Amino acid sequence: MYSLKTSSRNTADTGLQKFLMGIYSYMALGLGLTGVVGFAINVAPPGIRHFFHSISPIVGFLTLGLVWIMGSRIGQATVQRAQTLFWVYAALVGVSLAGFLSQFSIHAISRAFFVTSFMFGGASAFGYLTKKDLTRMGSFLIMGALGLVIASVINIFLASSITDFAISILGVIVFTGLAAYDTQALKDLYFRLPLDTSIRERASILGALNLYLDVLNMFLYMLRLGDRD
């Protein structure tokens, strides 16, 4: 009996690790695609660069619509369509952020990236290993993220550097916490999913989207804490 329980637990652990590694792989590739697109635009000839910078606000609104579609429809889509939506979304985010990223030096971007990677790794590991239920914390952090959006919109008109600094610090804290919460939620989700391969693959893509957004927002808020050129 003991050996059967041990074997079952080991199988579950192996399956969970494979599930999470698939999510991390999608997330990393999505972030890489976003970075490559943003970099390619910013090293393009001036005419092309100016064109993409000028349409970045429009593309930004398109990404909001696309992320809503992915969140609500990805469960019914085929795996191939879900993957396509994810890659298109990641590329469009690169377009929408190119103008913003052009305001920072490569050194500032690299520093923010490495600090964000370290913080995400720690937060995700905590979410995976902790026995504490993070559900309440997650609900609070989601409300905090909405508050950050509202505060950022208001500060567009106030143009307060102190408020921007405070928003950036809170943004890093909120999305670091969400990275831990989302990791635990994905861990719990694995044990509720049916054995259907396509369902699990689509769940991996949706999970990758959640973590992608956590890391991306952590990075952007971290970058805003640095000095601009």
Protein backbone atom coordinates (compact mmCIF):
# COMPACT_ATOMS: atom_id res chain seq x y z
CA MET A 1 0.00 0.00 0.00
CA TYR A 2 2.80 2.40 0.90
CA SER A 3 4.62 1.74 -2.37
CA LEU A 4 1.44 2.34 -4.37
CA LYS A 5 0.85 5.66 -2.61
CA THR A 6 4.46 6.67 -3.15
CA SER A 7 4.30 5.75 -6.83
CA SER A 8 1.05 7.70 -7.26
CA ARG A 9 2.52 10.75 -5.55
CA ASN A 10 5.69 10.59 -7.66
CA THR A 11 3.60 10.35 -10.83
CA ALA A 12 1.54 13.36 -9.79
CA ASP A 13 4.68 15.35 -8.96
CA THR A 14 6.23 14.50 -12.31
CA GLY A 15 3.05 15.45 -14.17
CA LEU A 16 2.77 18.73 -12.25
CA GLN A 17 6.38 19.64 -12.97
CA LYS A 18 5.86 18.88 -16.67
CA PHE A 19 2.68 20.99 -16.69
CA LEU A 20 4.41 23.96 -15.04
CA MET A 21 7.48 23.66 -17.25
CA GLY A 22 5.20 23.85 -20.28
CA ILE A 23 3.68 27.03 -18.86
CA TYR A 24 7.09 28.57 -18.13
CA SER A 25 8.26 27.68 -21.64
CA TYR A 26 5.29 29.40 -23.28
CA MET A 27 5.75 32.40 -20.99
CA ALA A 28 9.48 32.72 -21.70
CA LEU A 29 9.01 32.39 -25.45
CA GLY A 30 6.21 34.94 -25.38
CA LEU A 31 8.33 37.42 -23.46
CA GLY A 32 11.21 36.75 -25.83
CA LEU A 33 9.00 37.44 -28.84
CA THR A 34 7.79 40.69 -27.27
CA GLY A 35 11.37 41.77 -26.63
CA VAL A 36 12.57 40.88 -30.13
CA VAL A 37 9.71 42.78 -31.79
CA GLY A 38 10.26 45.86 -29.62
CA PHE A 39 14.02 45.78 -30.24
CA ALA A 40 13.62 45.27 -34.01
CA ILE A 41 11.34 48.29 -34.24
CA ASN A 42 13.72 50.51 -32.28
CA VAL A 43 16.75 49.63 -34.46
CA ALA A 44 14.78 49.93 -37.72
CA PRO A 45 15.29 52.89 -40.10
CA PRO A 46 13.76 56.16 -38.79
CA GLY A 47 10.73 56.07 -41.09
CA ILE A 48 9.73 52.55 -40.06
CA ARG A 49 10.47 53.27 -36.40
CA HIS A 50 8.35 56.42 -36.45
CA PHE A 51 5.45 54.58 -38.07
CA PHE A 52 5.35 51.85 -35.43
CA HIS A 53 5.80 54.35 -32.60
CA SER A 54 2.87 56.37 -33.95
CA ILE A 55 0.51 53.38 -34.04
CA SER A 56 1.59 51.98 -30.67
CA PRO A 57 -1.42 53.48 -28.76
CA ILE A 58 -3.83 51.87 -31.24
CA VAL A 59 -2.03 48.56 -30.99
CA GLY A 60 -2.14 48.86 -27.21
CA PHE A 61 -5.94 49.01 -27.32
CA LEU A 62 -5.96 46.01 -29.66
CA THR A 63 -3.94 44.00 -27.15
CA LEU A 64 -6.52 44.76 -24.44
CA GLY A 65 -9.24 43.35 -26.65
CA LEU A 66 -7.14 40.35 -27.62
CA VAL A 67 -6.26 39.44 -24.04
CA TRP A 68 -9.98 39.55 -23.20
CA ILE A 69 -10.75 37.25 -26.13
CA MET A 70 -8.03 34.85 -25.06
CA GLY A 71 -9.25 34.75 -21.49
CA SER A 72 -12.86 34.11 -22.45
CA ARG A 73 -12.53 31.97 -25.59
CA ILE A 74 -9.31 30.01 -25.29
CA GLY A 75 -11.07 27.16 -23.52
CA GLN A 76 -13.15 26.49 -26.65
CA ALA A 77 -10.38 27.08 -29.20
CA THR A 78 -8.18 24.42 -30.73
CA VAL A 79 -4.65 24.15 -29.38
CA GLN A 80 -3.24 25.55 -32.63
CA ARG A 81 -5.57 28.55 -32.54
CA ALA A 82 -4.80 29.18 -28.87
CA GLN A 83 -1.07 29.10 -29.63
CA THR A 84 -1.53 31.48 -32.56
CA LEU A 85 -3.50 33.92 -30.43
CA PHE A 86 -0.78 33.84 -27.78
CA TRP A 87 2.05 34.51 -30.26
CA VAL A 88 0.09 37.27 -32.01
CA TYR A 89 -0.64 38.87 -28.65
CA ALA A 90 3.02 38.73 -27.57
CA ALA A 91 4.13 40.29 -30.87
CA LEU A 92 1.54 43.07 -30.66
CA VAL A 93 2.64 43.89 -27.12
CA GLY A 94 6.15 44.33 -28.52
CA VAL A 95 4.78 46.82 -31.04
CA SER A 96 2.78 48.70 -28.41
CA LEU A 97 5.78 48.98 -26.06
CA ALA A 98 8.45 49.91 -28.61
CA GLY A 99 7.98 53.66 -28.17
CA PHE A 100 8.02 53.41 -24.39
CA LEU A 101 11.14 51.23 -24.36
CA SER A 102 12.95 53.65 -26.67
CA GLN A 103 13.06 56.13 -23.78
CA PHE A 104 15.43 53.88 -21.82
CA SER A 105 19.01 52.79 -22.30
CA ILE A 106 19.98 49.18 -22.93
CA HIS A 107 21.65 49.20 -19.51
CA ALA A 108 18.42 50.27 -17.77
CA ILE A 109 16.38 47.69 -19.66
CA SER A 110 18.89 44.91 -18.91
CA ARG A 111 19.02 45.82 -15.23
CA ALA A 112 15.23 45.86 -14.93
CA PHE A 113 15.02 42.55 -16.78
CA PHE A 114 17.49 40.74 -14.51
CA VAL A 115 15.99 42.13 -11.31
CA THR A 116 12.51 41.18 -12.52
CA SER A 117 13.66 37.67 -13.43
CA PHE A 118 15.15 37.19 -9.97
CA MET A 119 12.03 38.50 -8.22
CA PHE A 120 9.68 36.44 -10.37
CA GLY A 121 11.70 33.30 -9.75
CA GLY A 122 11.53 33.84 -6.01
CA ALA A 123 7.81 34.67 -6.03
CA SER A 124 6.92 31.72 -8.25
CA ALA A 125 8.97 29.34 -6.10
CA PHE A 126 7.19 30.64 -3.01
CA GLY A 127 3.80 30.12 -4.65
CA TYR A 128 4.77 26.56 -5.58
CA LEU A 129 6.23 25.55 -2.22
CA THR A 130 4.11 27.37 0.36
CA LYS A 131 1.38 25.48 2.20
CA LYS A 132 -0.44 28.75 2.93
CA ASP A 133 -3.58 29.43 0.90
CA LEU A 134 -2.95 32.61 -1.11
CA THR A 135 -6.54 33.00 -2.32
CA ARG A 136 -7.34 35.95 -0.04
CA MET A 137 -4.06 37.62 -0.90
CA GLY A 138 -4.79 37.12 -4.60
CA SER A 139 -8.18 38.82 -4.36
CA PHE A 140 -6.60 41.76 -2.56
CA LEU A 141 -3.79 42.02 -5.12
CA ILE A 142 -6.19 41.93 -8.07
CA MET A 143 -8.04 44.88 -6.55
CA GLY A 144 -4.64 46.54 -6.06
CA ALA A 145 -3.82 46.05 -9.75
CA LEU A 146 -7.09 47.72 -10.73
CA GLY A 147 -6.26 50.56 -8.35
CA LEU A 148 -2.89 50.98 -10.02
CA VAL A 149 -4.56 51.35 -13.42
CA ILE A 150 -6.90 54.05 -12.08
CA ALA A 151 -4.05 55.86 -10.31
CA SER A 152 -1.92 55.75 -13.48
CA VAL A 153 -4.72 57.25 -15.56
CA ILE A 154 -5.24 60.04 -13.02
CA ASN A 155 -1.50 60.73 -12.92
CA ILE A 156 -1.48 61.29 -16.68
CA PHE A 157 -3.23 64.58 -15.91
CA LEU A 158 -1.38 65.30 -12.67
CA ALA A 159 2.07 64.50 -14.14
CA SER A 160 3.44 64.03 -10.62
CA SER A 161 6.87 62.38 -10.50
CA ILE A 162 6.38 61.48 -6.82
CA THR A 163 3.06 59.80 -7.57
CA ASP A 164 4.62 57.97 -10.51
CA PHE A 165 7.41 56.73 -8.25
CA ALA A 166 4.92 55.51 -5.64
CA ILE A 167 2.79 53.79 -8.30
CA SER A 168 5.89 52.04 -9.66
CA ILE A 169 6.91 50.70 -6.24
CA LEU A 170 3.38 49.49 -5.52
CA GLY A 171 3.20 47.97 -9.01
CA VAL A 172 6.30 45.88 -8.42
CA ILE A 173 4.93 44.69 -5.07
CA VAL A 174 1.46 43.90 -6.43
CA PHE A 175 2.62 41.92 -9.46
CA THR A 176 5.30 40.07 -7.51
CA GLY A 177 2.54 38.94 -5.17
CA LEU A 178 0.34 38.02 -8.13
CA ALA A 179 3.16 35.88 -9.55
CA ALA A 180 3.13 33.82 -6.34
CA TYR A 181 -0.67 33.66 -6.29
CA ASP A 182 -0.95 32.65 -9.96
CA THR A 183 1.70 29.94 -9.56
CA GLN A 184 -0.20 28.40 -6.64
CA ALA A 185 -3.48 28.70 -8.58
CA LEU A 186 -1.93 26.90 -11.56
CA LYS A 187 -0.56 24.20 -9.26
CA ASP A 188 -4.04 23.65 -7.82
CA LEU A 189 -5.60 23.76 -11.29
CA TYR A 190 -3.42 20.86 -12.46
CA PHE A 191 -5.07 18.46 -10.04
CA ARG A 192 -8.56 19.49 -11.20
CA LEU A 193 -7.91 19.16 -14.93
CA PRO A 194 -9.11 16.08 -16.83
CA LEU A 195 -6.51 13.87 -18.46
CA ASP A 196 -7.40 15.17 -21.93
CA THR A 197 -4.14 16.35 -23.54
CA SER A 198 -5.69 19.20 -25.53
CA ILE A 199 -7.45 20.61 -22.46
CA ARG A 200 -4.20 20.57 -20.51
CA GLU A 201 -2.34 22.22 -23.37
CA ARG A 202 -4.89 25.03 -23.59
CA ALA A 203 -4.71 25.42 -19.81
CA SER A 204 -0.91 25.73 -20.16
CA ILE A 205 -1.31 28.55 -22.68
CA LEU A 206 -3.81 30.41 -20.50
CA GLY A 207 -1.57 29.90 -17.47
CA ALA A 208 1.39 31.21 -19.46
CA LEU A 209 -0.64 34.30 -20.36
CA ASN A 210 -1.30 35.01 -16.67
CA LEU A 211 2.37 34.66 -15.72
CA TYR A 212 3.43 36.60 -18.85
CA LEU A 213 1.30 39.54 -17.70
CA ASP A 214 2.72 39.30 -14.17
CA VAL A 215 6.32 39.37 -15.41
CA LEU A 216 5.66 42.05 -18.03
CA ASN A 217 4.04 44.39 -15.52
CA MET A 218 6.77 43.74 -12.94
CA PHE A 219 9.36 44.60 -15.59
CA LEU A 220 7.60 47.79 -16.74
CA TYR A 221 7.14 49.09 -13.19
CA MET A 222 10.73 48.19 -12.37
CA LEU A 223 11.91 50.02 -15.48
CA ARG A 224 9.97 53.14 -14.46
CA LEU A 225 11.89 53.15 -11.18
CA GLY A 226 15.15 53.53 -13.12
CA ASP A 227 16.55 56.63 -14.78
CA ARG A 228 15.50 57.57 -18.28
CA ASP A 229 18.00 58.75 -20.87
